[in-house]
């Protein structure tokens, strides 16, 4: 995720607590989806993926605002 902006991501994770919180939440959700997808209902998977997408959109906006 966010490969091109790796340096900016690292900087924001240090300097911006909100960004770090969202970034960590995205990663936790991503791991939860990968580890539990076969055990979850389709609705639960869909909901988790929607939450993950919303986090990614917010993170991307923060990256764009800091370019």
N, C-alpha and C. Protein backbone atom coordinates (compact mmCIF):
# COMPACT_ATOMS: atom_id res chain seq x y z
N UNK A 1 0.83 -1.19 0.00
CA UNK A 1 0.00 0.00 0.00
C UNK A 1 0.87 1.24 0.00
N UNK A 2 0.55 2.19 -0.83
CA UNK A 2 1.22 3.48 -0.89
C UNK A 2 2.71 3.34 -1.18
N UNK A 3 3.08 2.44 -2.08
CA UNK A 3 4.48 2.18 -2.38
C UNK A 3 5.26 3.39 -2.83
N UNK A 4 4.68 4.21 -3.68
CA UNK A 4 5.38 5.38 -4.21
C UNK A 4 5.67 6.41 -3.13
N UNK A 5 4.83 6.45 -2.12
CA UNK A 5 4.95 7.47 -1.08
C UNK A 5 5.55 6.92 0.21
N UNK A 6 6.36 5.91 0.10
CA UNK A 6 6.91 5.23 1.28
C UNK A 6 7.58 6.19 2.26
N UNK A 7 8.38 7.11 1.73
CA UNK A 7 9.08 8.06 2.62
C UNK A 7 8.10 8.99 3.33
N UNK A 8 7.11 9.46 2.59
CA UNK A 8 6.11 10.35 3.19
C UNK A 8 5.28 9.61 4.23
N UNK A 9 4.95 8.37 3.96
CA UNK A 9 4.21 7.56 4.93
C UNK A 9 5.02 7.42 6.21
N UNK A 10 6.30 7.10 6.08
CA UNK A 10 7.15 6.95 7.26
C UNK A 10 7.22 8.26 8.05
N UNK A 11 7.33 9.37 7.35
CA UNK A 11 7.39 10.68 8.00
C UNK A 11 6.08 10.98 8.73
N UNK A 12 4.95 10.76 8.06
CA UNK A 12 3.66 11.06 8.68
C UNK A 12 3.36 10.15 9.86
N UNK A 13 3.80 8.91 9.80
CA UNK A 13 3.58 8.00 10.93
C UNK A 13 4.29 8.50 12.18
N UNK A 14 5.38 9.21 12.00
CA UNK A 14 6.13 9.77 13.13
C UNK A 14 5.54 11.10 13.58
N UNK A 15 5.18 11.94 12.62
CA UNK A 15 4.79 13.31 12.93
C UNK A 15 3.30 13.52 13.15
N UNK A 16 2.47 12.59 12.71
CA UNK A 16 1.03 12.81 12.75
C UNK A 16 0.36 11.61 13.43
N UNK A 17 -0.08 11.81 14.65
CA UNK A 17 -0.68 10.72 15.43
C UNK A 17 -1.95 10.18 14.78
N UNK A 18 -2.75 11.07 14.20
CA UNK A 18 -3.99 10.63 13.54
C UNK A 18 -3.67 9.75 12.33
N UNK A 19 -2.69 10.17 11.53
CA UNK A 19 -2.29 9.36 10.38
C UNK A 19 -1.82 7.99 10.83
N UNK A 20 -0.99 7.94 11.85
CA UNK A 20 -0.48 6.66 12.36
C UNK A 20 -1.62 5.77 12.84
N UNK A 21 -2.57 6.37 13.54
CA UNK A 21 -3.72 5.60 14.04
C UNK A 21 -4.50 4.99 12.88
N UNK A 22 -4.77 5.79 11.85
CA UNK A 22 -5.50 5.29 10.69
C UNK A 22 -4.69 4.23 9.94
N UNK A 23 -3.40 4.48 9.79
CA UNK A 23 -2.52 3.54 9.08
C UNK A 23 -2.49 2.19 9.81
N UNK A 24 -2.34 2.25 11.12
CA UNK A 24 -2.31 1.01 11.91
C UNK A 24 -3.65 0.28 11.84
N UNK A 25 -4.75 1.05 11.90
CA UNK A 25 -6.08 0.43 11.81
C UNK A 25 -6.27 -0.24 10.46
N UNK A 26 -5.79 0.38 9.40
CA UNK A 26 -5.87 -0.20 8.05
C UNK A 26 -5.11 -1.52 8.01
N UNK A 27 -3.91 -1.53 8.56
CA UNK A 27 -3.09 -2.75 8.54
C UNK A 27 -3.71 -3.86 9.38
N UNK A 28 -4.26 -3.54 10.53
CA UNK A 28 -4.92 -4.53 11.38
C UNK A 28 -6.12 -5.12 10.63
N UNK A 29 -6.90 -4.26 10.03
CA UNK A 29 -8.07 -4.72 9.28
C UNK A 29 -7.66 -5.59 8.10
N UNK A 30 -6.61 -5.18 7.41
CA UNK A 30 -6.10 -5.97 6.28
C UNK A 30 -5.69 -7.37 6.73
N UNK A 31 -4.97 -7.44 7.84
CA UNK A 31 -4.56 -8.75 8.37
C UNK A 31 -5.75 -9.57 8.84
N UNK A 32 -6.70 -8.92 9.48
CA UNK A 32 -7.92 -9.62 9.93
C UNK A 32 -8.65 -10.24 8.75
N UNK A 33 -8.78 -9.47 7.68
CA UNK A 33 -9.47 -9.97 6.49
C UNK A 33 -8.73 -11.17 5.92
N UNK A 34 -7.42 -11.05 5.76
CA UNK A 34 -6.61 -12.14 5.19
C UNK A 34 -6.68 -13.40 6.06
N UNK A 35 -6.64 -13.22 7.37
CA UNK A 35 -6.58 -14.36 8.28
C UNK A 35 -7.93 -15.01 8.57
N UNK A 36 -9.02 -14.27 8.32
CA UNK A 36 -10.33 -14.78 8.72
C UNK A 36 -11.34 -14.88 7.59
N UNK A 37 -10.94 -14.55 6.40
CA UNK A 37 -11.87 -14.49 5.28
C UNK A 37 -12.65 -15.79 5.09
N UNK A 38 -11.99 -16.91 5.27
CA UNK A 38 -12.68 -18.19 5.05
C UNK A 38 -13.65 -18.54 6.18
N UNK A 39 -13.54 -17.84 7.31
CA UNK A 39 -14.40 -18.12 8.46
C UNK A 39 -15.56 -17.12 8.59
N UNK A 40 -15.43 -15.98 7.93
CA UNK A 40 -16.43 -14.92 8.05
C UNK A 40 -17.54 -15.08 7.03
N UNK A 41 -18.69 -14.52 7.35
CA UNK A 41 -19.80 -14.50 6.40
C UNK A 41 -19.48 -13.48 5.29
N UNK A 42 -20.18 -13.61 4.19
CA UNK A 42 -19.99 -12.67 3.08
C UNK A 42 -20.27 -11.23 3.53
N UNK A 43 -21.29 -11.05 4.35
CA UNK A 43 -21.62 -9.71 4.83
C UNK A 43 -20.50 -9.13 5.70
N UNK A 44 -19.94 -9.97 6.55
CA UNK A 44 -18.84 -9.51 7.42
C UNK A 44 -17.62 -9.14 6.58
N UNK A 45 -17.31 -9.94 5.59
CA UNK A 45 -16.18 -9.65 4.70
C UNK A 45 -16.42 -8.33 3.96
N UNK A 46 -17.62 -8.17 3.44
CA UNK A 46 -17.95 -6.96 2.70
C UNK A 46 -17.83 -5.73 3.59
N UNK A 47 -18.34 -5.82 4.80
CA UNK A 47 -18.26 -4.70 5.75
C UNK A 47 -16.80 -4.37 6.08
N UNK A 48 -16.00 -5.38 6.33
CA UNK A 48 -14.59 -5.16 6.66
C UNK A 48 -13.85 -4.52 5.49
N UNK A 49 -14.13 -4.99 4.29
CA UNK A 49 -13.47 -4.42 3.11
C UNK A 49 -13.91 -2.99 2.86
N UNK A 50 -15.15 -2.67 3.14
CA UNK A 50 -15.62 -1.29 3.01
C UNK A 50 -14.93 -0.38 4.01
N UNK A 51 -14.78 -0.85 5.25
CA UNK A 51 -14.08 -0.06 6.27
C UNK A 51 -12.63 0.16 5.86
N UNK A 52 -12.01 -0.88 5.34
CA UNK A 52 -10.62 -0.79 4.90
C UNK A 52 -10.48 0.22 3.77
N UNK A 53 -11.42 0.20 2.83
CA UNK A 53 -11.38 1.15 1.72
C UNK A 53 -11.55 2.58 2.21
N UNK A 54 -12.45 2.80 3.15
CA UNK A 54 -12.63 4.15 3.69
C UNK A 54 -11.36 4.65 4.37
N UNK A 55 -10.69 3.77 5.10
CA UNK A 55 -9.42 4.15 5.73
C UNK A 55 -8.39 4.49 4.67
N UNK A 56 -8.32 3.68 3.61
CA UNK A 56 -7.34 3.92 2.55
C UNK A 56 -7.60 5.25 1.86
N UNK A 57 -8.86 5.58 1.61
CA UNK A 57 -9.20 6.85 0.98
C UNK A 57 -8.77 8.02 1.87
N UNK A 58 -9.05 7.91 3.15
CA UNK A 58 -8.66 8.98 4.08
C UNK A 58 -7.14 9.12 4.16
N UNK A 59 -6.44 8.00 4.20
CA UNK A 59 -4.97 8.03 4.23
C UNK A 59 -4.43 8.66 2.95
N UNK A 60 -4.99 8.28 1.82
CA UNK A 60 -4.54 8.82 0.54
C UNK A 60 -4.75 10.33 0.49
N UNK A 61 -5.88 10.80 1.00
CA UNK A 61 -6.14 12.24 1.04
C UNK A 61 -5.11 12.95 1.90
N UNK A 62 -4.77 12.35 3.02
CA UNK A 62 -3.76 12.96 3.90
C UNK A 62 -2.41 13.00 3.21
N UNK A 63 -2.08 11.96 2.45
CA UNK A 63 -0.81 11.96 1.71
C UNK A 63 -0.81 13.06 0.66
N UNK A 64 -1.91 13.18 -0.07
CA UNK A 64 -2.01 14.21 -1.10
C UNK A 64 -1.91 15.61 -0.50
N UNK A 65 -2.50 15.79 0.67
CA UNK A 65 -2.46 17.11 1.33
C UNK A 65 -1.06 17.46 1.83
N UNK A 66 -0.19 16.46 1.96
CA UNK A 66 1.16 16.69 2.49
C UNK A 66 2.23 16.62 1.43
N UNK A 67 1.85 16.63 0.17
CA UNK A 67 2.85 16.64 -0.92
C UNK A 67 3.33 18.02 -1.16
